[in-house]
N, C-alpha and C. Protein backbone atom coordinates (compact mmCIF):
# COMPACT_ATOMS: atom_id res chain seq x y z
N MET A 1 20.24 2.33 37.44
CA MET A 1 21.22 3.36 37.12
C MET A 1 21.68 4.08 38.40
N LYS A 2 20.74 4.46 39.25
CA LYS A 2 21.08 5.16 40.51
C LYS A 2 21.99 4.27 41.36
N LYS A 3 21.72 2.97 41.35
CA LYS A 3 22.52 2.04 42.15
C LYS A 3 23.98 2.04 41.67
N THR A 4 24.20 2.03 40.35
CA THR A 4 25.57 2.01 39.85
C THR A 4 26.28 3.32 40.17
N ILE A 5 25.56 4.43 40.15
CA ILE A 5 26.17 5.72 40.51
C ILE A 5 26.61 5.69 41.97
N GLU A 6 25.74 5.22 42.84
CA GLU A 6 26.08 5.14 44.27
C GLU A 6 27.26 4.19 44.49
N GLU A 7 27.28 3.07 43.76
CA GLU A 7 28.40 2.13 43.91
C GLU A 7 29.71 2.78 43.49
N ARG A 8 29.68 3.53 42.39
CA ARG A 8 30.89 4.18 41.89
C ARG A 8 31.35 5.27 42.87
N ILE A 9 30.39 6.01 43.43
CA ILE A 9 30.73 7.04 44.42
C ILE A 9 31.35 6.39 45.66
N ASP A 10 30.74 5.30 46.14
CA ASP A 10 31.28 4.59 47.31
C ASP A 10 32.69 4.08 47.04
N LYS A 11 32.91 3.56 45.83
CA LYS A 11 34.24 3.06 45.47
C LYS A 11 35.25 4.20 45.47
N THR A 12 34.84 5.38 44.97
CA THR A 12 35.73 6.55 44.96
C THR A 12 36.10 6.94 46.38
N LYS A 13 35.10 6.94 47.29
CA LYS A 13 35.37 7.31 48.68
C LYS A 13 36.28 6.27 49.35
N THR A 14 36.07 5.00 49.04
CA THR A 14 36.90 3.93 49.61
C THR A 14 38.35 4.08 49.16
N ILE A 15 38.55 4.37 47.87
CA ILE A 15 39.91 4.55 47.35
C ILE A 15 40.57 5.75 48.01
N LEU A 16 39.80 6.83 48.21
CA LEU A 16 40.34 8.02 48.88
C LEU A 16 40.80 7.66 50.29
N LYS A 17 39.96 6.92 51.03
CA LYS A 17 40.33 6.54 52.40
C LYS A 17 41.59 5.68 52.42
N GLU A 18 41.69 4.74 51.46
CA GLU A 18 42.88 3.88 51.39
C GLU A 18 44.13 4.71 51.11
N ASN A 19 44.00 5.67 50.18
CA ASN A 19 45.14 6.52 49.86
C ASN A 19 45.53 7.39 51.05
N LEU A 20 44.55 7.87 51.79
CA LEU A 20 44.84 8.71 52.95
C LEU A 20 45.52 7.92 54.06
N ASN A 21 45.23 6.63 54.13
CA ASN A 21 45.87 5.79 55.15
C ASN A 21 47.38 5.71 54.96
N THR A 22 47.83 5.89 53.73
CA THR A 22 49.27 5.80 53.46
C THR A 22 49.98 7.12 53.77
N VAL A 23 49.22 8.17 54.11
CA VAL A 23 49.84 9.45 54.47
C VAL A 23 50.21 9.39 55.95
N ARG A 24 51.47 9.60 56.24
CA ARG A 24 51.98 9.49 57.60
C ARG A 24 51.49 10.66 58.43
N ALA A 25 50.84 10.39 59.55
CA ALA A 25 50.28 11.46 60.38
C ALA A 25 51.01 11.59 61.72
N GLY A 26 52.23 11.08 61.83
CA GLY A 26 52.98 11.24 63.07
C GLY A 26 52.74 10.12 64.07
N ARG A 27 51.77 9.27 63.78
CA ARG A 27 51.46 8.13 64.65
C ARG A 27 51.72 6.86 63.85
N ALA A 28 52.13 5.82 64.52
CA ALA A 28 52.37 4.55 63.84
C ALA A 28 51.04 3.95 63.40
N ASN A 29 50.96 3.60 62.13
CA ASN A 29 49.76 3.01 61.57
C ASN A 29 50.20 1.95 60.55
N PRO A 30 49.82 0.69 60.75
CA PRO A 30 50.25 -0.36 59.82
C PRO A 30 49.86 -0.09 58.36
N ALA A 31 48.80 0.70 58.14
CA ALA A 31 48.37 1.02 56.77
C ALA A 31 49.44 1.80 56.02
N LEU A 32 50.36 2.41 56.75
CA LEU A 32 51.47 3.14 56.14
C LEU A 32 52.28 2.22 55.22
N LEU A 33 52.27 0.92 55.53
CA LEU A 33 53.08 -0.05 54.76
C LEU A 33 52.27 -0.81 53.71
N ASP A 34 51.01 -0.45 53.51
CA ASP A 34 50.14 -1.18 52.59
C ASP A 34 50.68 -1.23 51.16
N LYS A 35 51.31 -0.18 50.72
CA LYS A 35 51.76 -0.12 49.32
C LYS A 35 53.20 -0.63 49.14
N VAL A 36 53.83 -1.09 50.23
CA VAL A 36 55.21 -1.59 50.14
C VAL A 36 55.20 -3.00 49.53
N MET A 37 55.94 -3.13 48.43
CA MET A 37 56.04 -4.42 47.75
C MET A 37 57.47 -4.95 47.91
N VAL A 38 57.58 -6.20 48.32
CA VAL A 38 58.88 -6.83 48.56
C VAL A 38 59.18 -7.79 47.41
N ASN A 39 60.41 -7.73 46.90
CA ASN A 39 60.83 -8.67 45.86
C ASN A 39 61.17 -9.99 46.57
N TYR A 40 60.19 -10.89 46.63
CA TYR A 40 60.33 -12.14 47.37
C TYR A 40 60.45 -13.29 46.39
N TYR A 41 61.62 -13.89 46.31
CA TYR A 41 61.92 -14.97 45.36
C TYR A 41 61.53 -14.57 43.94
N GLY A 42 61.86 -13.34 43.59
CA GLY A 42 61.68 -12.90 42.21
C GLY A 42 60.33 -12.30 41.87
N SER A 43 59.38 -12.34 42.79
CA SER A 43 58.08 -11.75 42.46
C SER A 43 57.69 -10.70 43.50
N PRO A 44 57.10 -9.57 43.03
CA PRO A 44 56.69 -8.53 43.97
C PRO A 44 55.53 -9.02 44.84
N THR A 45 55.71 -8.96 46.14
CA THR A 45 54.72 -9.46 47.10
C THR A 45 54.44 -8.37 48.12
N PRO A 46 53.16 -8.16 48.48
CA PRO A 46 52.86 -7.15 49.49
C PRO A 46 53.54 -7.51 50.82
N LEU A 47 54.06 -6.49 51.49
CA LEU A 47 54.75 -6.70 52.76
C LEU A 47 53.86 -7.42 53.77
N LYS A 48 52.58 -7.04 53.83
CA LYS A 48 51.71 -7.65 54.84
C LYS A 48 51.45 -9.14 54.57
N ALA A 49 51.78 -9.62 53.35
CA ALA A 49 51.64 -11.06 53.07
C ALA A 49 52.87 -11.84 53.55
N LEU A 50 53.96 -11.12 53.81
CA LEU A 50 55.20 -11.78 54.20
C LEU A 50 55.52 -11.65 55.68
N SER A 51 54.74 -10.82 56.39
CA SER A 51 55.12 -10.56 57.78
C SER A 51 53.92 -10.15 58.62
N ASN A 52 54.18 -10.15 59.92
CA ASN A 52 53.21 -9.65 60.87
C ASN A 52 53.64 -8.22 61.21
N ILE A 53 52.69 -7.26 61.09
CA ILE A 53 53.01 -5.86 61.38
C ILE A 53 52.26 -5.47 62.64
N SER A 54 53.01 -5.06 63.66
CA SER A 54 52.36 -4.68 64.92
C SER A 54 52.79 -3.27 65.33
N VAL A 55 52.03 -2.71 66.27
CA VAL A 55 52.31 -1.36 66.78
C VAL A 55 52.57 -1.47 68.28
N PRO A 56 53.84 -1.71 68.69
CA PRO A 56 54.13 -1.87 70.11
C PRO A 56 53.94 -0.57 70.92
N ASP A 57 54.13 0.56 70.28
CA ASP A 57 53.84 1.84 70.94
C ASP A 57 53.46 2.87 69.87
N PRO A 58 52.90 4.03 70.23
CA PRO A 58 52.35 4.97 69.25
C PRO A 58 53.33 5.49 68.20
N ARG A 59 54.61 5.38 68.43
CA ARG A 59 55.60 5.91 67.49
C ARG A 59 56.42 4.81 66.80
N GLN A 60 55.99 3.56 66.90
CA GLN A 60 56.82 2.47 66.37
C GLN A 60 55.98 1.41 65.68
N LEU A 61 56.50 0.95 64.54
CA LEU A 61 55.93 -0.21 63.85
C LEU A 61 56.96 -1.33 63.95
N MET A 62 56.49 -2.54 64.22
CA MET A 62 57.40 -3.67 64.31
C MET A 62 56.96 -4.69 63.26
N ILE A 63 57.90 -5.06 62.39
CA ILE A 63 57.63 -5.99 61.31
C ILE A 63 58.35 -7.29 61.63
N THR A 64 57.57 -8.36 61.79
CA THR A 64 58.14 -9.68 62.09
C THR A 64 57.91 -10.58 60.87
N PRO A 65 58.96 -10.85 60.08
CA PRO A 65 58.78 -11.68 58.89
C PRO A 65 58.44 -13.13 59.25
N PHE A 66 57.58 -13.73 58.43
CA PHE A 66 57.26 -15.15 58.62
C PHE A 66 58.48 -15.99 58.26
N ASP A 67 59.24 -15.54 57.25
CA ASP A 67 60.46 -16.22 56.83
C ASP A 67 61.65 -15.33 57.21
N PRO A 68 62.41 -15.71 58.25
CA PRO A 68 63.52 -14.86 58.70
C PRO A 68 64.54 -14.53 57.61
N LYS A 69 64.63 -15.38 56.58
CA LYS A 69 65.59 -15.13 55.50
C LYS A 69 65.18 -13.93 54.65
N SER A 70 63.92 -13.53 54.72
CA SER A 70 63.44 -12.44 53.87
C SER A 70 63.65 -11.06 54.49
N ILE A 71 64.27 -11.00 55.66
CA ILE A 71 64.39 -9.73 56.39
C ILE A 71 65.17 -8.67 55.60
N LYS A 72 66.23 -9.08 54.89
CA LYS A 72 67.01 -8.13 54.08
C LYS A 72 66.17 -7.59 52.92
N ASP A 73 65.39 -8.47 52.28
CA ASP A 73 64.53 -8.04 51.16
C ASP A 73 63.47 -7.06 51.65
N ILE A 74 62.91 -7.31 52.83
CA ILE A 74 61.89 -6.43 53.40
C ILE A 74 62.50 -5.07 53.71
N GLU A 75 63.70 -5.09 54.31
CA GLU A 75 64.37 -3.83 54.64
C GLU A 75 64.65 -3.02 53.37
N LYS A 76 65.09 -3.70 52.33
CA LYS A 76 65.38 -3.05 51.06
C LYS A 76 64.09 -2.44 50.47
N ALA A 77 62.99 -3.17 50.52
CA ALA A 77 61.72 -2.69 49.98
C ALA A 77 61.22 -1.45 50.73
N ILE A 78 61.41 -1.43 52.04
CA ILE A 78 60.99 -0.27 52.83
C ILE A 78 61.82 0.95 52.43
N ASN A 79 63.12 0.76 52.22
CA ASN A 79 63.98 1.87 51.78
C ASN A 79 63.57 2.36 50.39
N ILE A 80 63.25 1.44 49.50
CA ILE A 80 62.84 1.79 48.14
C ILE A 80 61.50 2.54 48.16
N ALA A 81 60.60 2.17 49.08
CA ALA A 81 59.28 2.78 49.16
C ALA A 81 59.35 4.26 49.56
N ASP A 82 60.51 4.70 50.05
CA ASP A 82 60.73 6.11 50.38
C ASP A 82 59.64 6.66 51.30
N LEU A 83 59.50 6.03 52.46
CA LEU A 83 58.50 6.46 53.45
C LEU A 83 59.02 7.58 54.34
N GLY A 84 60.30 7.89 54.20
CA GLY A 84 60.89 8.90 55.06
C GLY A 84 61.23 8.35 56.44
N ILE A 85 61.29 7.02 56.53
CA ILE A 85 61.59 6.36 57.81
C ILE A 85 62.68 5.33 57.53
N SER A 86 63.72 5.34 58.35
CA SER A 86 64.79 4.35 58.18
C SER A 86 64.49 3.13 59.04
N PRO A 87 64.50 1.94 58.42
CA PRO A 87 64.27 0.71 59.19
C PRO A 87 65.50 0.32 59.99
N SER A 88 65.28 -0.22 61.18
CA SER A 88 66.40 -0.79 61.95
C SER A 88 66.11 -2.28 62.13
N ASN A 89 67.11 -3.07 61.83
CA ASN A 89 66.97 -4.52 61.75
C ASN A 89 67.86 -5.16 62.81
N ASP A 90 67.25 -6.02 63.65
CA ASP A 90 68.06 -6.70 64.67
C ASP A 90 68.25 -8.19 64.34
N GLY A 91 67.96 -8.57 63.09
CA GLY A 91 68.14 -9.96 62.68
C GLY A 91 66.86 -10.78 62.77
N LYS A 92 65.93 -10.40 63.63
CA LYS A 92 64.66 -11.12 63.78
C LYS A 92 63.47 -10.26 63.38
N VAL A 93 63.53 -8.98 63.75
CA VAL A 93 62.44 -8.06 63.44
C VAL A 93 63.01 -6.75 62.88
N ILE A 94 62.14 -6.03 62.18
CA ILE A 94 62.50 -4.70 61.68
C ILE A 94 61.64 -3.71 62.45
N ARG A 95 62.28 -2.69 62.96
CA ARG A 95 61.54 -1.64 63.68
C ARG A 95 61.59 -0.36 62.86
N LEU A 96 60.43 0.30 62.78
CA LEU A 96 60.34 1.61 62.15
C LEU A 96 59.92 2.60 63.21
N ILE A 97 60.80 3.52 63.53
CA ILE A 97 60.49 4.55 64.51
C ILE A 97 59.94 5.75 63.74
N ILE A 98 58.69 6.10 64.03
CA ILE A 98 58.03 7.21 63.34
C ILE A 98 58.48 8.51 63.99
N PRO A 99 59.20 9.36 63.25
CA PRO A 99 59.67 10.61 63.86
C PRO A 99 58.52 11.60 64.05
N GLN A 100 58.72 12.51 65.00
CA GLN A 100 57.74 13.58 65.23
C GLN A 100 57.73 14.47 63.98
N LEU A 101 56.54 14.85 63.52
CA LEU A 101 56.44 15.70 62.33
C LEU A 101 56.73 17.16 62.69
N THR A 102 57.45 17.83 61.81
CA THR A 102 57.68 19.26 62.00
C THR A 102 56.45 20.01 61.50
N GLU A 103 56.32 21.26 61.90
CA GLU A 103 55.18 22.08 61.47
C GLU A 103 55.15 22.21 59.94
N GLU A 104 56.33 22.39 59.35
CA GLU A 104 56.41 22.53 57.90
C GLU A 104 55.96 21.24 57.20
N ARG A 105 56.41 20.11 57.73
CA ARG A 105 56.03 18.81 57.15
C ARG A 105 54.53 18.57 57.29
N ARG A 106 53.95 18.98 58.41
CA ARG A 106 52.50 18.84 58.60
C ARG A 106 51.74 19.63 57.53
N LYS A 107 52.22 20.86 57.27
CA LYS A 107 51.56 21.70 56.26
C LYS A 107 51.68 21.07 54.87
N ASP A 108 52.85 20.50 54.56
CA ASP A 108 53.03 19.80 53.28
C ASP A 108 52.06 18.63 53.17
N LEU A 109 51.93 17.88 54.26
CA LEU A 109 51.03 16.72 54.26
C LEU A 109 49.57 17.15 54.08
N THR A 110 49.17 18.28 54.70
CA THR A 110 47.79 18.73 54.52
C THR A 110 47.54 19.14 53.08
N LYS A 111 48.56 19.70 52.42
CA LYS A 111 48.42 20.03 50.98
C LYS A 111 48.22 18.75 50.17
N THR A 112 48.99 17.73 50.49
CA THR A 112 48.87 16.45 49.79
C THR A 112 47.48 15.86 49.99
N VAL A 113 46.99 15.92 51.22
CA VAL A 113 45.67 15.39 51.55
C VAL A 113 44.58 16.15 50.79
N LYS A 114 44.71 17.48 50.74
CA LYS A 114 43.72 18.30 50.00
C LYS A 114 43.74 17.95 48.52
N LYS A 115 44.94 17.69 47.98
CA LYS A 115 45.06 17.32 46.56
C LYS A 115 44.34 15.99 46.31
N MET A 116 44.53 15.03 47.23
CA MET A 116 43.84 13.74 47.10
C MET A 116 42.32 13.94 47.14
N GLY A 117 41.88 14.84 48.01
CA GLY A 117 40.45 15.14 48.11
C GLY A 117 39.92 15.74 46.82
N GLU A 118 40.69 16.65 46.21
CA GLU A 118 40.27 17.26 44.95
C GLU A 118 40.18 16.21 43.84
N GLU A 119 41.14 15.28 43.83
CA GLU A 119 41.11 14.21 42.82
C GLU A 119 39.85 13.36 42.99
N ALA A 120 39.47 13.09 44.23
CA ALA A 120 38.26 12.31 44.49
C ALA A 120 37.02 13.09 44.02
N LYS A 121 37.01 14.40 44.28
CA LYS A 121 35.88 15.23 43.84
C LYS A 121 35.77 15.25 42.31
N VAL A 122 36.91 15.33 41.64
CA VAL A 122 36.90 15.30 40.17
C VAL A 122 36.33 13.97 39.68
N ALA A 123 36.73 12.88 40.33
CA ALA A 123 36.21 11.55 39.95
C ALA A 123 34.69 11.51 40.12
N VAL A 124 34.20 12.08 41.23
CA VAL A 124 32.75 12.09 41.49
C VAL A 124 32.04 12.95 40.44
N ARG A 125 32.64 14.09 40.09
CA ARG A 125 32.01 14.97 39.07
C ARG A 125 31.99 14.27 37.71
N ASN A 126 33.03 13.47 37.42
CA ASN A 126 33.04 12.71 36.16
C ASN A 126 31.91 11.68 36.16
N ILE A 127 31.64 11.08 37.31
CA ILE A 127 30.52 10.13 37.41
C ILE A 127 29.22 10.86 37.08
N ARG A 128 29.05 12.08 37.64
CA ARG A 128 27.85 12.87 37.37
C ARG A 128 27.73 13.18 35.88
N ARG A 129 28.82 13.63 35.27
CA ARG A 129 28.79 14.00 33.85
C ARG A 129 28.38 12.81 32.99
N GLU A 130 28.98 11.65 33.26
CA GLU A 130 28.64 10.45 32.48
C GLU A 130 27.17 10.07 32.66
N ALA A 131 26.70 10.12 33.90
CA ALA A 131 25.29 9.77 34.17
C ALA A 131 24.35 10.76 33.49
N ASN A 132 24.67 12.05 33.55
CA ASN A 132 23.84 13.06 32.90
C ASN A 132 23.82 12.88 31.39
N ASP A 133 24.99 12.58 30.81
CA ASP A 133 25.05 12.33 29.36
C ASP A 133 24.18 11.14 28.97
N ASP A 134 24.23 10.07 29.78
CA ASP A 134 23.40 8.88 29.51
C ASP A 134 21.92 9.25 29.54
N LEU A 135 21.53 9.99 30.56
CA LEU A 135 20.12 10.38 30.69
C LEU A 135 19.67 11.25 29.52
N LYS A 136 20.49 12.20 29.12
CA LYS A 136 20.13 13.09 28.00
C LYS A 136 20.01 12.30 26.71
N LYS A 137 20.88 11.31 26.55
CA LYS A 137 20.80 10.45 25.35
C LYS A 137 19.51 9.64 25.38
N GLN A 138 19.15 9.12 26.56
CA GLN A 138 17.90 8.35 26.67
C GLN A 138 16.69 9.24 26.35
N GLU A 139 16.73 10.48 26.80
CA GLU A 139 15.60 11.39 26.54
C GLU A 139 15.55 11.71 25.05
N LYS A 140 16.70 11.92 24.44
CA LYS A 140 16.77 12.23 23.00
C LYS A 140 16.24 11.06 22.17
N ASP A 141 16.56 9.83 22.63
CA ASP A 141 16.11 8.62 21.91
C ASP A 141 14.64 8.29 22.21
N GLY A 142 14.02 9.05 23.11
CA GLY A 142 12.61 8.83 23.44
C GLY A 142 12.37 7.74 24.46
N GLU A 143 13.42 7.29 25.15
CA GLU A 143 13.28 6.22 26.15
C GLU A 143 12.69 6.75 27.46
N ILE A 144 12.96 8.04 27.76
CA ILE A 144 12.39 8.64 28.97
C ILE A 144 11.81 10.01 28.62
N SER A 145 10.86 10.48 29.42
CA SER A 145 10.24 11.78 29.15
C SER A 145 11.12 12.91 29.70
N GLU A 146 10.76 14.14 29.31
CA GLU A 146 11.52 15.31 29.78
C GLU A 146 11.37 15.46 31.29
N ASP A 147 10.17 15.15 31.83
CA ASP A 147 9.94 15.24 33.27
C ASP A 147 10.83 14.23 34.02
N ASP A 148 10.88 12.99 33.49
CA ASP A 148 11.74 11.97 34.10
C ASP A 148 13.21 12.40 34.06
N LEU A 149 13.61 13.02 32.94
CA LEU A 149 14.98 13.50 32.80
C LEU A 149 15.29 14.50 33.90
N LYS A 150 14.41 15.47 34.11
CA LYS A 150 14.62 16.50 35.14
C LYS A 150 14.69 15.87 36.53
N LYS A 151 13.77 14.93 36.79
CA LYS A 151 13.75 14.26 38.09
C LYS A 151 15.06 13.49 38.34
N ASP A 152 15.47 12.73 37.33
CA ASP A 152 16.68 11.92 37.46
C ASP A 152 17.94 12.79 37.57
N LEU A 153 18.01 13.88 36.81
CA LEU A 153 19.14 14.80 36.91
C LEU A 153 19.22 15.39 38.32
N ASP A 154 18.06 15.71 38.89
CA ASP A 154 18.01 16.25 40.25
C ASP A 154 18.49 15.21 41.27
N LYS A 155 18.06 13.95 41.10
CA LYS A 155 18.50 12.88 42.01
C LYS A 155 20.02 12.70 41.94
N ILE A 156 20.54 12.72 40.72
CA ILE A 156 21.99 12.55 40.54
C ILE A 156 22.72 13.70 41.23
N GLN A 157 22.22 14.93 41.03
CA GLN A 157 22.88 16.09 41.64
C GLN A 157 22.90 15.98 43.16
N LYS A 158 21.78 15.52 43.73
CA LYS A 158 21.71 15.36 45.20
C LYS A 158 22.74 14.33 45.68
N ALA A 159 22.86 13.21 44.94
CA ALA A 159 23.83 12.16 45.30
C ALA A 159 25.26 12.71 45.22
N ILE A 160 25.53 13.50 44.20
CA ILE A 160 26.88 14.08 44.02
C ILE A 160 27.17 15.09 45.13
N ASP A 161 26.17 15.93 45.45
CA ASP A 161 26.35 16.92 46.53
C ASP A 161 26.68 16.22 47.85
N LYS A 162 25.97 15.13 48.13
CA LYS A 162 26.21 14.38 49.37
C LYS A 162 27.63 13.77 49.35
N ALA A 163 28.02 13.23 48.20
CA ALA A 163 29.35 12.61 48.07
C ALA A 163 30.45 13.65 48.30
N ILE A 164 30.29 14.83 47.74
CA ILE A 164 31.30 15.88 47.89
C ILE A 164 31.37 16.33 49.35
N LYS A 165 30.22 16.40 50.00
CA LYS A 165 30.19 16.76 51.43
C LYS A 165 30.92 15.68 52.24
N ASP A 166 30.67 14.40 51.91
CA ASP A 166 31.35 13.30 52.60
C ASP A 166 32.87 13.37 52.39
N ILE A 167 33.30 13.66 51.16
CA ILE A 167 34.73 13.76 50.86
C ILE A 167 35.35 14.89 51.68
N ASP A 168 34.64 16.03 51.75
CA ASP A 168 35.14 17.16 52.55
C ASP A 168 35.31 16.76 54.02
N GLU A 169 34.36 15.98 54.54
CA GLU A 169 34.45 15.53 55.94
C GLU A 169 35.64 14.59 56.15
N ILE A 170 35.86 13.68 55.19
CA ILE A 170 36.99 12.73 55.27
C ILE A 170 38.30 13.52 55.28
N ILE A 171 38.41 14.50 54.39
CA ILE A 171 39.63 15.31 54.30
C ILE A 171 39.83 16.13 55.57
N ALA A 172 38.75 16.72 56.09
CA ALA A 172 38.84 17.52 57.31
C ALA A 172 39.33 16.67 58.49
N ALA A 173 38.83 15.44 58.58
CA ALA A 173 39.24 14.54 59.66
C ALA A 173 40.73 14.19 59.53
N LYS A 174 41.20 13.94 58.31
CA LYS A 174 42.62 13.61 58.11
C LYS A 174 43.49 14.83 58.41
N ASP A 175 43.04 16.02 57.99
CA ASP A 175 43.78 17.25 58.30
C ASP A 175 43.93 17.42 59.81
N LYS A 176 42.84 17.19 60.52
CA LYS A 176 42.84 17.34 61.98
C LYS A 176 43.86 16.35 62.59
N GLU A 177 43.84 15.11 62.07
CA GLU A 177 44.77 14.08 62.56
C GLU A 177 46.22 14.48 62.32
N ILE A 178 46.49 15.06 61.16
CA ILE A 178 47.86 15.46 60.81
C ILE A 178 48.32 16.65 61.68
N MET A 179 47.45 17.60 61.91
CA MET A 179 47.84 18.81 62.65
C MET A 179 47.88 18.59 64.17
N GLU A 180 47.37 17.43 64.62
CA GLU A 180 47.40 17.09 66.04
C GLU A 180 48.84 16.88 66.48
N VAL A 181 49.25 17.55 67.51
CA VAL A 181 50.65 17.39 67.96
C VAL A 181 50.73 16.37 69.07
């Protein structure tokens, strides 16, 4: 049981990190394009499956399609994804110039990051609630003693406390990255 709780907590933290990677922090990061889906021959395909994404300098992403004919579809998908960045296409590659973030935009992004952190904390608390309910049911059914119930509830609480502390650290690091000029 403890193993499944830890696995679920780790999965929650992994999802949080993946979501935070899509938040633009003023620096070029290929993860910014992870959620971009291109309509390629009628089926939605992840951008990274259709092209090579490189970072030639800190403020630029360069997308080199494997199939040069797909460049218009890729450009369209980037515009639809509403990243706040306009693609420039030279016929062979697409360049995304990451603009400098304004102070106001940085503050908006930190609010978004904090909201993602709160969602992760809620998910972790839901894991705790479900685990506690399972344990109480087991104790009621006579499968575990009251002492074991108290011990296990304490272990779960410690795991949740550690997870929330980890989430706070992840959020603090992303905030610092966003506020860095």
